[in-house]
Amino acid sequence: MKSNYMIGVEEVSAELGVSKGHAYKVIRELNEELSKQGFIVVAGKIPKAYWETKFYGYNTMNVAI
């Protein structure tokens, strides 16, 4: 089963509860950040891992078990 690691404007729009136009703006800003770090970017898409890090703090969140 193929797992897509990129998310597009539809998912970003639904996740944030904003218009597609605003979702494109958010994706564009995130892609600019990635590009400045030397990563290859795809217009209109963002890696899920980067999305989760930026919006949910998954890489910095401390969870006590």
PDB file of N, CA and C in Angstrom:
ATOM      1  N   MET A   1       0.841  -1.185   0.000  1.00  0.00           N
ATOM      2  CA  MET A   1       0.000   0.000   0.000  1.00  0.00           C
ATOM      3  C   MET A   1       0.888   1.251   0.000  1.00  0.00           C
ATOM      4  N   LYS A   2       0.623   2.162  -0.895  1.00  0.00           N
ATOM      5  CA  LYS A   2       1.404   3.382  -1.028  1.00  0.00           C
ATOM      6  C   LYS A   2       0.952   4.416  -0.003  1.00  0.00           C
ATOM      7  N   SER A   3       1.926   5.002   0.676  1.00  0.00           N
ATOM      8  CA  SER A   3       1.624   6.042   1.651  1.00  0.00           C
ATOM      9  C   SER A   3       2.201   7.359   1.146  1.00  0.00           C
ATOM     10  N   ASN A   4       1.349   8.342   0.944  1.00  0.00           N
ATOM     11  CA  ASN A   4       1.785   9.637   0.465  1.00  0.00           C
ATOM     12  C   ASN A   4       2.263  10.471   1.645  1.00  0.00           C
ATOM     13  N   TYR A   5       3.509  10.924   1.585  1.00  0.00           N
ATOM     14  CA  TYR A   5       4.048  11.699   2.692  1.00  0.00           C
ATOM     15  C   TYR A   5       3.879  13.205   2.508  1.00  0.00           C
ATOM     16  N   MET A   6       3.233  13.611   1.425  1.00  0.00           N
ATOM     17  CA  MET A   6       2.972  15.029   1.173  1.00  0.00           C
ATOM     18  C   MET A   6       1.488  15.318   1.382  1.00  0.00           C
ATOM     19  N   ILE A   7       1.184  16.524   1.863  1.00  0.00           N
ATOM     20  CA  ILE A   7      -0.211  16.942   1.951  1.00  0.00           C
ATOM     21  C   ILE A   7      -0.398  18.171   1.063  1.00  0.00           C
ATOM     22  N   GLY A   8      -1.594  18.332   0.566  1.00  0.00           N
ATOM     23  CA  GLY A   8      -1.893  19.426  -0.350  1.00  0.00           C
ATOM     24  C   GLY A   8      -2.827  20.448   0.250  1.00  0.00           C
ATOM     25  N   VAL A   9      -3.294  21.300  -0.613  1.00  0.00           N
ATOM     26  CA  VAL A   9      -4.121  22.425  -0.195  1.00  0.00           C
ATOM     27  C   VAL A   9      -5.444  21.973   0.426  1.00  0.00           C
ATOM     28  N   GLU A  10      -6.010  20.887  -0.066  1.00  0.00           N
ATOM     29  CA  GLU A  10      -7.294  20.407   0.480  1.00  0.00           C
ATOM     30  C   GLU A  10      -7.142  20.050   1.962  1.00  0.00           C
ATOM     31  N   GLU A  11      -6.079  19.296   2.279  1.00  0.00           N
ATOM     32  CA  GLU A  11      -5.874  18.882   3.677  1.00  0.00           C
ATOM     33  C   GLU A  11      -5.542  20.067   4.567  1.00  0.00           C
ATOM     34  N   VAL A  12      -4.686  20.967   4.078  1.00  0.00           N
ATOM     35  CA  VAL A  12      -4.314  22.135   4.872  1.00  0.00           C
ATOM     36  C   VAL A  12      -5.542  23.015   5.124  1.00  0.00           C
ATOM     37  N   SER A  13      -6.340  23.219   4.089  1.00  0.00           N
ATOM     38  CA  SER A  13      -7.556  24.019   4.221  1.00  0.00           C
ATOM     39  C   SER A  13      -8.501  23.418   5.261  1.00  0.00           C
ATOM     40  N   ALA A  14      -8.705  22.117   5.185  1.00  0.00           N
ATOM     41  CA  ALA A  14      -9.607  21.445   6.126  1.00  0.00           C
ATOM     42  C   ALA A  14      -9.039  21.458   7.545  1.00  0.00           C
ATOM     43  N   GLU A  15      -7.744  21.226   7.675  1.00  0.00           N
ATOM     44  CA  GLU A  15      -7.104  21.161   8.992  1.00  0.00           C
ATOM     45  C   GLU A  15      -7.172  22.502   9.720  1.00  0.00           C
ATOM     46  N   LEU A  16      -6.962  23.591   8.971  1.00  0.00           N
ATOM     47  CA  LEU A  16      -6.962  24.916   9.577  1.00  0.00           C
ATOM     48  C   LEU A  16      -8.319  25.599   9.553  1.00  0.00           C
ATOM     49  N   GLY A  17      -9.246  25.069   8.758  1.00  0.00           N
ATOM     50  CA  GLY A  17     -10.562  25.689   8.641  1.00  0.00           C
ATOM     51  C   GLY A  17     -10.509  27.022   7.920  1.00  0.00           C
ATOM     52  N   VAL A  18      -9.657  27.081   6.889  1.00  0.00           N
ATOM     53  CA  VAL A  18      -9.499  28.324   6.128  1.00  0.00           C
ATOM     54  C   VAL A  18      -9.790  28.060   4.656  1.00  0.00           C
ATOM     55  N   SER A  19      -9.837  29.133   3.872  1.00  0.00           N
ATOM     56  CA  SER A  19     -10.074  28.992   2.430  1.00  0.00           C
ATOM     57  C   SER A  19      -8.864  28.350   1.749  1.00  0.00           C
ATOM     58  N   LYS A  20      -9.097  27.864   0.538  1.00  0.00           N
ATOM     59  CA  LYS A  20      -7.999  27.276  -0.229  1.00  0.00           C
ATOM     60  C   LYS A  20      -6.939  28.330  -0.544  1.00  0.00           C
ATOM     61  N   GLY A  21      -7.367  29.550  -0.800  1.00  0.00           N
ATOM     62  CA  GLY A  21      -6.424  30.626  -1.077  1.00  0.00           C
ATOM     63  C   GLY A  21      -5.473  30.858   0.086  1.00  0.00           C
ATOM     64  N   HIS A  22      -6.031  30.860   1.300  1.00  0.00           N
ATOM     65  CA  HIS A  22      -5.177  31.044   2.475  1.00  0.00           C
ATOM     66  C   HIS A  22      -4.293  29.822   2.698  1.00  0.00           C
ATOM     67  N   ALA A  23      -4.822  28.640   2.440  1.00  0.00           N
ATOM     68  CA  ALA A  23      -4.032  27.417   2.579  1.00  0.00           C
ATOM     69  C   ALA A  23      -2.838  27.439   1.623  1.00  0.00           C
ATOM     70  N   TYR A  24      -3.043  27.923   0.397  1.00  0.00           N
ATOM     71  CA  TYR A  24      -1.930  28.052  -0.555  1.00  0.00           C
ATOM     72  C   TYR A  24      -0.871  29.006  -0.004  1.00  0.00           C
ATOM     73  N   LYS A  25      -1.301  30.079   0.634  1.00  0.00           N
ATOM     74  CA  LYS A  25      -0.359  31.045   1.210  1.00  0.00           C
ATOM     75  C   LYS A  25       0.471  30.390   2.311  1.00  0.00           C
ATOM     76  N   VAL A  26      -0.162  29.613   3.171  1.00  0.00           N
ATOM     77  CA  VAL A  26       0.537  28.922   4.251  1.00  0.00           C
ATOM     78  C   VAL A  26       1.552  27.938   3.663  1.00  0.00           C
ATOM     79  N   ILE A  27       1.127  27.155   2.675  1.00  0.00           N
ATOM     80  CA  ILE A  27       2.017  26.190   2.044  1.00  0.00           C
ATOM     81  C   ILE A  27       3.201  26.907   1.393  1.00  0.00           C
ATOM     82  N   ARG A  28       2.933  28.004   0.730  1.00  0.00           N
ATOM     83  CA  ARG A  28       3.992  28.777   0.071  1.00  0.00           C
ATOM     84  C   ARG A  28       5.029  29.256   1.101  1.00  0.00           C
ATOM     85  N   GLU A  29       4.566  29.746   2.246  1.00  0.00           N
ATOM     86  CA  GLU A  29       5.474  30.207   3.297  1.00  0.00           C
ATOM     87  C   GLU A  29       6.314  29.059   3.848  1.00  0.00           C
ATOM     88  N   LEU A  30       5.684  27.916   4.086  1.00  0.00           N
ATOM     89  CA  LEU A  30       6.423  26.760   4.586  1.00  0.00           C
ATOM     90  C   LEU A  30       7.435  26.269   3.559  1.00  0.00           C
ATOM     91  N   ASN A  31       7.045  26.276   2.291  1.00  0.00           N
ATOM     92  CA  ASN A  31       7.969  25.858   1.239  1.00  0.00           C
ATOM     93  C   ASN A  31       9.151  26.817   1.127  1.00  0.00           C
ATOM     94  N   GLU A  32       8.937  28.102   1.362  1.00  0.00           N
ATOM     95  CA  GLU A  32      10.040  29.061   1.355  1.00  0.00           C
ATOM     96  C   GLU A  32      11.029  28.739   2.474  1.00  0.00           C
ATOM     97  N   GLU A  33      10.514  28.389   3.653  1.00  0.00           N
ATOM     98  CA  GLU A  33      11.377  28.001   4.767  1.00  0.00           C
ATOM     99  C   GLU A  33      12.222  26.780   4.396  1.00  0.00           C
ATOM    100  N   LEU A  34      11.574  25.779   3.823  1.00  0.00           N
ATOM    101  CA  LEU A  34      12.282  24.567   3.434  1.00  0.00           C
ATOM    102  C   LEU A  34      13.322  24.849   2.356  1.00  0.00           C
ATOM    103  N   SER A  35      12.974  25.677   1.400  1.00  0.00           N
ATOM    104  CA  SER A  35      13.883  26.027   0.320  1.00  0.00           C
ATOM    105  C   SER A  35      15.129  26.727   0.860  1.00  0.00           C
ATOM    106  N   LYS A  36      14.951  27.629   1.815  1.00  0.00           N
ATOM    107  CA  LYS A  36      16.084  28.335   2.421  1.00  0.00           C
ATOM    108  C   LYS A  36      17.005  27.381   3.173  1.00  0.00           C
ATOM    109  N   GLN A  37      16.450  26.254   3.634  1.00  0.00           N
ATOM    110  CA  GLN A  37      17.241  25.247   4.333  1.00  0.00           C
ATOM    111  C   GLN A  37      17.905  24.278   3.359  1.00  0.00           C
ATOM    112  N   GLY A  38      17.655  24.465   2.066  1.00  0.00           N
ATOM    113  CA  GLY A  38      18.300  23.646   1.056  1.00  0.00           C
ATOM    114  C   GLY A  38      17.504  22.445   0.579  1.00  0.00           C
ATOM    115  N   PHE A  39      16.242  22.339   0.982  1.00  0.00           N
ATOM    116  CA  PHE A  39      15.416  21.220   0.563  1.00  0.00           C
ATOM    117  C   PHE A  39      14.741  21.505  -0.772  1.00  0.00           C
ATOM    118  N   ILE A  40      14.452  20.470  -1.505  1.00  0.00           N
ATOM    119  CA  ILE A  40      13.687  20.588  -2.738  1.00  0.00           C
ATOM    120  C   ILE A  40      12.219  20.640  -2.343  1.00  0.00           C
ATOM    121  N   VAL A  41      11.466  21.554  -2.926  1.00  0.00           N
ATOM    122  CA  VAL A  41      10.053  21.705  -2.592  1.00  0.00           C
ATOM    123  C   VAL A  41       9.179  21.436  -3.809  1.00  0.00           C
ATOM    124  N   VAL A  42       7.935  21.077  -3.542  1.00  0.00           N
ATOM    125  CA  VAL A  42       6.930  20.858  -4.580  1.00  0.00           C
ATOM    126  C   VAL A  42       5.853  21.909  -4.371  1.00  0.00           C
ATOM    127  N   ALA A  43       5.598  22.706  -5.392  1.00  0.00           N
ATOM    128  CA  ALA A  43       4.593  23.767  -5.279  1.00  0.00           C
ATOM    129  C   ALA A  43       3.224  23.174  -4.941  1.00  0.00           C
ATOM    130  N   GLY A  44       2.555  23.776  -3.961  1.00  0.00           N
ATOM    131  CA  GLY A  44       1.213  23.349  -3.588  1.00  0.00           C
ATOM    132  C   GLY A  44       1.159  22.145  -2.669  1.00  0.00           C
ATOM    133  N   LYS A  45       2.324  21.655  -2.226  1.00  0.00           N
ATOM    134  CA  LYS A  45       2.364  20.506  -1.320  1.00  0.00           C
ATOM    135  C   LYS A  45       3.429  20.746  -0.268  1.00  0.00           C
ATOM    136  N   ILE A  46       3.258  20.085   0.877  1.00  0.00           N
ATOM    137  CA  ILE A  46       4.209  20.199   1.976  1.00  0.00           C
ATOM    138  C   ILE A  46       4.368  18.818   2.609  1.00  0.00           C
ATOM    139  N   PRO A  47       5.583  18.439   3.016  1.00  0.00           N
ATOM    140  CA  PRO A  47       5.756  17.142   3.677  1.00  0.00           C
ATOM    141  C   PRO A  47       4.951  17.064   4.982  1.00  0.00           C
ATOM    142  N   LYS A  48       4.287  15.949   5.207  1.00  0.00           N
ATOM    143  CA  LYS A  48       3.473  15.782   6.423  1.00  0.00           C
ATOM    144  C   LYS A  48       4.310  15.981   7.676  1.00  0.00           C
ATOM    145  N   ALA A  49       5.522  15.449   7.689  1.00  0.00           N
ATOM    146  CA  ALA A  49       6.378  15.547   8.876  1.00  0.00           C
ATOM    147  C   ALA A  49       6.678  17.005   9.217  1.00  0.00           C
ATOM    148  N   TYR A  50       6.944  17.824   8.200  1.00  0.00           N
ATOM    149  CA  TYR A  50       7.223  19.237   8.439  1.00  0.00           C
ATOM    150  C   TYR A  50       5.965  19.953   8.919  1.00  0.00           C
ATOM    151  N   TRP A  51       4.848  19.634   8.313  1.00  0.00           N
ATOM    152  CA  TRP A  51       3.557  20.196   8.725  1.00  0.00           C
ATOM    153  C   TRP A  51       3.295  19.906  10.199  1.00  0.00           C
ATOM    154  N   GLU A  52       3.451  18.647  10.588  1.00  0.00           N
ATOM    155  CA  GLU A  52       3.178  18.251  11.969  1.00  0.00           C
ATOM    156  C   GLU A  52       4.145  18.915  12.943  1.00  0.00           C
ATOM    157  N   THR A  53       5.381  19.086  12.536  1.00  0.00           N
ATOM    158  CA  THR A  53       6.359  19.754  13.385  1.00  0.00           C
ATOM    159  C   THR A  53       5.999  21.229  13.579  1.00  0.00           C
ATOM    160  N   LYS A  54       5.643  21.914  12.500  1.00  0.00           N
ATOM    161  CA  LYS A  54       5.348  23.339  12.578  1.00  0.00           C
ATOM    162  C   LYS A  54       4.042  23.650  13.308  1.00  0.00           C
ATOM    163  N   PHE A  55       3.021  22.806  13.116  1.00  0.00           N
ATOM    164  CA  PHE A  55       1.713  23.137  13.677  1.00  0.00           C
ATOM    165  C   PHE A  55       1.371  22.385  14.963  1.00  0.00           C
ATOM    166  N   TYR A  56       2.013  21.263  15.193  1.00  0.00           N
ATOM    167  CA  TYR A  56       1.693  20.489  16.394  1.00  0.00           C
ATOM    168  C   TYR A  56       2.881  20.345  17.325  1.00  0.00           C
ATOM    169  N   GLY A  57       4.078  20.722  16.875  1.00  0.00           N
ATOM    170  CA  GLY A  57       5.268  20.643  17.706  1.00  0.00           C
ATOM    171  C   GLY A  57       5.692  19.227  18.046  1.00  0.00           C
ATOM    172  N   TYR A  58       5.427  18.278  17.160  1.00  0.00           N
ATOM    173  CA  TYR A  58       5.717  16.886  17.458  1.00  0.00           C
ATOM    174  C   TYR A  58       7.198  16.608  17.739  1.00  0.00           C
ATOM    175  N   ASN A  59       8.105  17.339  17.138  1.00  0.00           N
ATOM    176  CA  ASN A  59       9.524  17.100  17.387  1.00  0.00           C
ATOM    177  C   ASN A  59       9.996  17.690  18.705  1.00  0.00           C
ATOM    178  N   THR A  60       9.255  18.643  19.254  1.00  0.00           N
ATOM    179  CA  THR A  60       9.680  19.293  20.482  1.00  0.00           C
ATOM    180  C   THR A  60       8.774  18.975  21.665  1.00  0.00           C
ATOM    181  N   MET A  61       7.727  18.235  21.442  1.00  0.00           N
ATOM    182  CA  MET A  61       6.765  17.966  22.499  1.00  0.00           C
ATOM    183  C   MET A  61       7.283  16.867  23.421  1.00  0.00           C
ATOM    184  N   ASN A  62       7.276  17.111  24.704  1.00  0.00           N
ATOM    185  CA  ASN A  62       7.655  16.112  25.683  1.00  0.00           C
ATOM    186  C   ASN A  62       6.397  15.453  26.222  1.00  0.00           C
ATOM    187  N   VAL A  63       6.330  14.148  26.080  1.00  0.00           N
ATOM    188  CA  VAL A  63       5.157  13.416  26.532  1.00  0.00           C
ATOM    189  C   VAL A  63       5.585  12.481  27.654  1.00  0.00           C
ATOM    190  N   ALA A  64       4.995  12.631  28.814  1.00  0.00           N
ATOM    191  CA  ALA A  64       5.292  11.769  29.941  1.00  0.00           C
ATOM    192  C   ALA A  64       4.409  10.537  29.880  1.00  0.00           C
ATOM    193  N   ILE A  65       5.035   9.399  30.010  1.00  0.00           N
ATOM    194  CA  ILE A  65       4.272   8.128  29.969  1.00  0.00           C
ATOM    195  C   ILE A  65       4.333   7.470  31.327  1.00  0.00           C
TER     196      ILE A  65
END
